[in-house]
Amino acid sequence: MELILKKIKRLVIQGKYIFTHKATAERINSGLTQEDIVESILNADHVRLKKSTSQARHIRNEKICTIEGFTYDGILIYTKGVIRKIDNEDEFYIMISSKRSVYH
């Protein structure tokens, strides 16, 4: 799983990430900026993977990545997304959520 997190971090550093409308709305409702999300991903120590069971998914059995990381201000953020090929290049597609943890 460390390899996947490294790949995600590299994609984020290269600016190869996309927020869905839902993820953007959740981010804004949580009072977070895109920079907050980037910081939390780059500061994360681990990623959890889960195969999607939704039939509405872009690809069957797609691996959903859940990343927990802190911003430089100490805000814990949960981000969910997938790595997808877009125009023949990998991008981290933030598709489900990016939101502030309610436990901290």
N, C-alpha and C. Protein backbone atom coordinates (compact mmCIF):
# COMPACT_ATOMS: atom_id res chain seq x y z
N MET A 1 0.81 -1.20 0.00
CA MET A 1 0.00 0.00 0.00
C MET A 1 0.85 1.26 0.00
N GLU A 2 2.07 1.16 0.52
CA GLU A 2 2.94 2.33 0.51
C GLU A 2 3.22 2.80 -0.90
N LEU A 3 3.33 1.87 -1.84
CA LEU A 3 3.58 2.24 -3.24
C LEU A 3 2.43 3.06 -3.81
N ILE A 4 1.21 2.70 -3.45
CA ILE A 4 0.04 3.44 -3.94
C ILE A 4 0.04 4.85 -3.36
N LEU A 5 0.33 4.98 -2.07
CA LEU A 5 0.37 6.31 -1.46
C LEU A 5 1.46 7.16 -2.09
N LYS A 6 2.62 6.58 -2.36
CA LYS A 6 3.68 7.33 -3.03
C LYS A 6 3.24 7.79 -4.41
N LYS A 7 2.55 6.91 -5.12
CA LYS A 7 2.06 7.27 -6.46
C LYS A 7 1.06 8.41 -6.38
N ILE A 8 0.15 8.34 -5.41
CA ILE A 8 -0.84 9.41 -5.22
C ILE A 8 -0.14 10.72 -4.90
N LYS A 9 0.83 10.68 -4.00
CA LYS A 9 1.55 11.90 -3.63
C LYS A 9 2.27 12.50 -4.83
N ARG A 10 2.87 11.65 -5.64
CA ARG A 10 3.56 12.16 -6.84
C ARG A 10 2.57 12.79 -7.81
N LEU A 11 1.41 12.16 -7.98
CA LEU A 11 0.39 12.74 -8.87
C LEU A 11 -0.07 14.10 -8.34
N VAL A 12 -0.26 14.19 -7.03
CA VAL A 12 -0.70 15.46 -6.43
C VAL A 12 0.37 16.53 -6.61
N ILE A 13 1.63 16.19 -6.36
CA ILE A 13 2.73 17.16 -6.54
C ILE A 13 2.78 17.67 -7.97
N GLN A 14 2.50 16.78 -8.93
CA GLN A 14 2.53 17.16 -10.34
C GLN A 14 1.25 17.89 -10.77
N GLY A 15 0.31 18.06 -9.85
CA GLY A 15 -0.94 18.74 -10.18
C GLY A 15 -1.91 17.86 -10.95
N LYS A 16 -1.69 16.56 -10.90
CA LYS A 16 -2.54 15.62 -11.64
C LYS A 16 -3.62 15.06 -10.73
N TYR A 17 -4.52 15.94 -10.33
CA TYR A 17 -5.66 15.52 -9.52
C TYR A 17 -6.87 16.34 -9.94
N ILE A 18 -8.04 15.75 -9.72
CA ILE A 18 -9.30 16.37 -10.14
C ILE A 18 -10.29 16.21 -9.00
N PHE A 19 -11.01 17.27 -8.68
CA PHE A 19 -12.11 17.22 -7.71
C PHE A 19 -13.43 17.09 -8.46
N THR A 20 -14.30 16.20 -8.01
CA THR A 20 -15.65 16.16 -8.57
C THR A 20 -16.44 17.32 -7.98
N HIS A 21 -17.61 17.56 -8.54
CA HIS A 21 -18.48 18.61 -8.00
C HIS A 21 -18.87 18.30 -6.56
N LYS A 22 -19.16 17.02 -6.28
CA LYS A 22 -19.54 16.63 -4.92
C LYS A 22 -18.40 16.85 -3.95
N ALA A 23 -17.19 16.45 -4.33
CA ALA A 23 -16.03 16.63 -3.45
C ALA A 23 -15.76 18.12 -3.22
N THR A 24 -15.93 18.92 -4.26
CA THR A 24 -15.74 20.37 -4.13
C THR A 24 -16.76 20.95 -3.17
N ALA A 25 -18.02 20.56 -3.30
CA ALA A 25 -19.08 21.05 -2.42
C ALA A 25 -18.80 20.66 -0.97
N GLU A 26 -18.39 19.42 -0.74
CA GLU A 26 -18.08 18.97 0.62
C GLU A 26 -16.89 19.72 1.19
N ARG A 27 -15.89 19.96 0.35
CA ARG A 27 -14.71 20.71 0.79
C ARG A 27 -15.10 22.11 1.22
N ILE A 28 -15.88 22.78 0.40
CA ILE A 28 -16.31 24.15 0.70
C ILE A 28 -17.18 24.18 1.95
N ASN A 29 -18.12 23.23 2.07
CA ASN A 29 -18.99 23.16 3.25
C ASN A 29 -18.21 22.91 4.53
N SER A 30 -17.05 22.26 4.41
CA SER A 30 -16.20 21.99 5.57
C SER A 30 -15.24 23.14 5.85
N GLY A 31 -15.27 24.18 5.01
CA GLY A 31 -14.39 25.33 5.21
C GLY A 31 -12.94 25.03 4.85
N LEU A 32 -12.74 24.13 3.89
CA LEU A 32 -11.39 23.74 3.49
C LEU A 32 -11.04 24.28 2.11
N THR A 33 -9.76 24.48 1.88
CA THR A 33 -9.28 24.91 0.57
C THR A 33 -8.67 23.72 -0.16
N GLN A 34 -8.43 23.88 -1.45
CA GLN A 34 -7.73 22.83 -2.19
C GLN A 34 -6.33 22.61 -1.61
N GLU A 35 -5.71 23.69 -1.17
CA GLU A 35 -4.39 23.58 -0.58
C GLU A 35 -4.42 22.74 0.70
N ASP A 36 -5.50 22.86 1.49
CA ASP A 36 -5.65 22.02 2.68
C ASP A 36 -5.65 20.54 2.31
N ILE A 37 -6.38 20.20 1.24
CA ILE A 37 -6.46 18.81 0.80
C ILE A 37 -5.09 18.32 0.34
N VAL A 38 -4.40 19.14 -0.45
CA VAL A 38 -3.07 18.77 -0.93
C VAL A 38 -2.13 18.54 0.25
N GLU A 39 -2.12 19.46 1.22
CA GLU A 39 -1.27 19.31 2.40
C GLU A 39 -1.57 18.01 3.13
N SER A 40 -2.84 17.71 3.32
CA SER A 40 -3.20 16.51 4.08
C SER A 40 -2.76 15.24 3.35
N ILE A 41 -2.88 15.23 2.03
CA ILE A 41 -2.43 14.06 1.26
C ILE A 41 -0.92 13.92 1.35
N LEU A 42 -0.20 15.02 1.18
CA LEU A 42 1.26 14.96 1.22
C LEU A 42 1.79 14.59 2.60
N ASN A 43 1.04 14.90 3.66
CA ASN A 43 1.45 14.58 5.02
C ASN A 43 0.97 13.21 5.50
N ALA A 44 0.17 12.52 4.71
CA ALA A 44 -0.40 11.23 5.12
C ALA A 44 0.68 10.16 5.23
N ASP A 45 0.46 9.24 6.18
CA ASP A 45 1.39 8.14 6.40
C ASP A 45 0.91 6.82 5.82
N HIS A 46 -0.39 6.71 5.57
CA HIS A 46 -0.92 5.46 5.04
C HIS A 46 -2.20 5.70 4.24
N VAL A 47 -2.56 4.69 3.48
CA VAL A 47 -3.78 4.73 2.68
C VAL A 47 -4.50 3.40 2.89
N ARG A 48 -5.82 3.44 2.95
CA ARG A 48 -6.62 2.21 3.02
C ARG A 48 -7.26 2.00 1.66
N LEU A 49 -7.29 0.76 1.22
CA LEU A 49 -7.89 0.43 -0.07
C LEU A 49 -9.12 -0.43 0.15
N LYS A 50 -10.12 -0.18 -0.69
CA LYS A 50 -11.34 -0.97 -0.65
C LYS A 50 -11.85 -1.09 -2.07
N LYS A 51 -12.21 -2.31 -2.46
CA LYS A 51 -12.79 -2.48 -3.79
C LYS A 51 -14.21 -1.95 -3.78
N SER A 52 -14.53 -1.18 -4.78
CA SER A 52 -15.88 -0.64 -4.90
C SER A 52 -16.83 -1.75 -5.31
N THR A 53 -17.99 -1.75 -4.67
CA THR A 53 -19.02 -2.72 -5.02
C THR A 53 -20.16 -2.05 -5.79
N SER A 54 -20.06 -0.75 -5.96
CA SER A 54 -21.11 -0.01 -6.66
C SER A 54 -21.09 -0.32 -8.15
N GLN A 55 -22.26 -0.58 -8.69
CA GLN A 55 -22.35 -0.83 -10.13
C GLN A 55 -22.31 0.47 -10.92
N ALA A 56 -22.44 1.59 -10.24
CA ALA A 56 -22.38 2.89 -10.91
C ALA A 56 -20.94 3.35 -11.13
N ARG A 57 -19.97 2.63 -10.57
CA ARG A 57 -18.57 3.01 -10.71
C ARG A 57 -18.12 2.97 -12.15
N HIS A 58 -17.15 3.80 -12.43
CA HIS A 58 -16.54 3.91 -13.76
C HIS A 58 -15.97 2.56 -14.21
N ILE A 59 -15.30 1.88 -13.33
CA ILE A 59 -14.68 0.59 -13.61
C ILE A 59 -15.10 -0.38 -12.51
N ARG A 60 -15.50 -1.59 -12.88
CA ARG A 60 -15.88 -2.58 -11.87
C ARG A 60 -14.68 -2.93 -11.00
N ASN A 61 -14.96 -3.16 -9.74
CA ASN A 61 -13.93 -3.51 -8.75
C ASN A 61 -12.81 -2.47 -8.66
N GLU A 62 -13.16 -1.23 -8.92
CA GLU A 62 -12.19 -0.14 -8.81
C GLU A 62 -11.75 -0.02 -7.35
N LYS A 63 -10.48 0.26 -7.12
CA LYS A 63 -9.96 0.40 -5.76
C LYS A 63 -10.13 1.84 -5.29
N ILE A 64 -10.92 1.99 -4.24
CA ILE A 64 -11.13 3.30 -3.62
C ILE A 64 -10.04 3.51 -2.58
N CYS A 65 -9.35 4.62 -2.66
CA CYS A 65 -8.28 4.96 -1.72
C CYS A 65 -8.82 5.93 -0.68
N THR A 66 -8.64 5.61 0.59
CA THR A 66 -9.01 6.52 1.67
C THR A 66 -7.73 6.97 2.35
N ILE A 67 -7.52 8.26 2.36
CA ILE A 67 -6.30 8.85 2.91
C ILE A 67 -6.67 9.74 4.09
N GLU A 68 -5.99 9.55 5.21
CA GLU A 68 -6.15 10.42 6.37
C GLU A 68 -4.84 11.15 6.57
N GLY A 69 -4.92 12.46 6.58
CA GLY A 69 -3.70 13.23 6.78
C GLY A 69 -4.00 14.57 7.40
N PHE A 70 -2.98 15.15 8.01
CA PHE A 70 -3.11 16.45 8.67
C PHE A 70 -2.59 17.57 7.78
N THR A 71 -3.24 18.72 7.87
CA THR A 71 -2.71 19.92 7.23
C THR A 71 -1.57 20.44 8.12
N TYR A 72 -0.87 21.46 7.66
CA TYR A 72 0.20 22.05 8.46
C TYR A 72 -0.36 22.76 9.70
N ASP A 73 -1.66 23.02 9.70
CA ASP A 73 -2.32 23.63 10.86
C ASP A 73 -2.92 22.59 11.79
N GLY A 74 -2.69 21.31 11.51
CA GLY A 74 -3.15 20.25 12.40
C GLY A 74 -4.58 19.80 12.19
N ILE A 75 -5.18 20.13 11.06
CA ILE A 75 -6.55 19.70 10.76
C ILE A 75 -6.49 18.33 10.10
N LEU A 76 -7.20 17.34 10.68
CA LEU A 76 -7.25 16.01 10.10
C LEU A 76 -8.31 15.98 9.01
N ILE A 77 -7.93 15.53 7.82
CA ILE A 77 -8.83 15.50 6.66
C ILE A 77 -8.86 14.10 6.09
N TYR A 78 -10.06 13.65 5.76
CA TYR A 78 -10.26 12.39 5.07
C TYR A 78 -10.51 12.68 3.60
N THR A 79 -9.76 12.03 2.73
CA THR A 79 -9.94 12.19 1.29
C THR A 79 -10.10 10.82 0.66
N LYS A 80 -11.11 10.68 -0.19
CA LYS A 80 -11.33 9.43 -0.90
C LYS A 80 -11.25 9.69 -2.39
N GLY A 81 -10.64 8.76 -3.09
CA GLY A 81 -10.53 8.91 -4.53
C GLY A 81 -9.98 7.66 -5.17
N VAL A 82 -9.74 7.74 -6.46
CA VAL A 82 -9.20 6.62 -7.23
C VAL A 82 -8.13 7.15 -8.19
N ILE A 83 -7.24 6.25 -8.57
CA ILE A 83 -6.27 6.59 -9.63
C ILE A 83 -6.88 6.10 -10.93
N ARG A 84 -7.00 7.00 -11.88
CA ARG A 84 -7.59 6.65 -13.18
C ARG A 84 -6.69 7.14 -14.30
N LYS A 85 -6.82 6.49 -15.43
CA LYS A 85 -6.17 6.95 -16.66
C LYS A 85 -7.08 7.99 -17.30
N ILE A 86 -6.56 9.17 -17.50
CA ILE A 86 -7.29 10.23 -18.18
C ILE A 86 -6.37 10.76 -19.27
N ASP A 87 -6.83 10.69 -20.51
CA ASP A 87 -5.99 11.06 -21.65
C ASP A 87 -4.65 10.33 -21.62
N ASN A 88 -4.71 9.05 -21.31
CA ASN A 88 -3.55 8.16 -21.30
C ASN A 88 -2.53 8.44 -20.20
N GLU A 89 -2.89 9.26 -19.21
CA GLU A 89 -2.01 9.54 -18.09
C GLU A 89 -2.76 9.30 -16.79
N ASP A 90 -2.04 8.84 -15.76
CA ASP A 90 -2.65 8.64 -14.46
C ASP A 90 -2.96 9.98 -13.81
N GLU A 91 -4.11 10.04 -13.16
CA GLU A 91 -4.49 11.19 -12.35
C GLU A 91 -5.18 10.67 -11.11
N PHE A 92 -5.07 11.41 -10.00
CA PHE A 92 -5.79 11.05 -8.79
C PHE A 92 -7.12 11.78 -8.84
N TYR A 93 -8.16 11.01 -8.93
CA TYR A 93 -9.51 11.51 -9.12
C TYR A 93 -10.20 11.53 -7.76
N ILE A 94 -10.32 12.71 -7.17
CA ILE A 94 -10.94 12.87 -5.86
C ILE A 94 -12.43 12.93 -6.09
N MET A 95 -13.08 11.79 -5.86
CA MET A 95 -14.44 11.65 -6.35
C MET A 95 -15.48 11.52 -5.29
N ILE A 96 -15.12 11.18 -4.10
CA ILE A 96 -16.14 10.92 -3.10
C ILE A 96 -16.18 12.04 -2.08
N SER A 97 -15.07 12.31 -1.43
CA SER A 97 -15.11 13.36 -0.42
C SER A 97 -13.73 13.84 -0.05
N SER A 98 -13.71 15.02 0.43
CA SER A 98 -12.57 15.58 1.13
C SER A 98 -13.18 16.42 2.22
N LYS A 99 -13.08 15.91 3.44
CA LYS A 99 -13.75 16.64 4.51
C LYS A 99 -12.96 16.58 5.80
N ARG A 100 -13.25 17.56 6.61
CA ARG A 100 -12.62 17.70 7.91
C ARG A 100 -13.12 16.57 8.80
N SER A 101 -12.22 16.01 9.58
CA SER A 101 -12.62 14.98 10.53
C SER A 101 -13.49 15.62 11.61
N VAL A 102 -14.54 14.93 12.01
CA VAL A 102 -15.39 15.45 13.07
C VAL A 102 -14.93 14.96 14.43
N TYR A 103 -13.85 14.16 14.46
CA TYR A 103 -13.37 13.57 15.71
C TYR A 103 -12.24 14.35 16.33
N HIS A 104 -11.75 15.39 15.67
CA HIS A 104 -10.63 16.16 16.24
C HIS A 104 -10.99 17.60 16.40
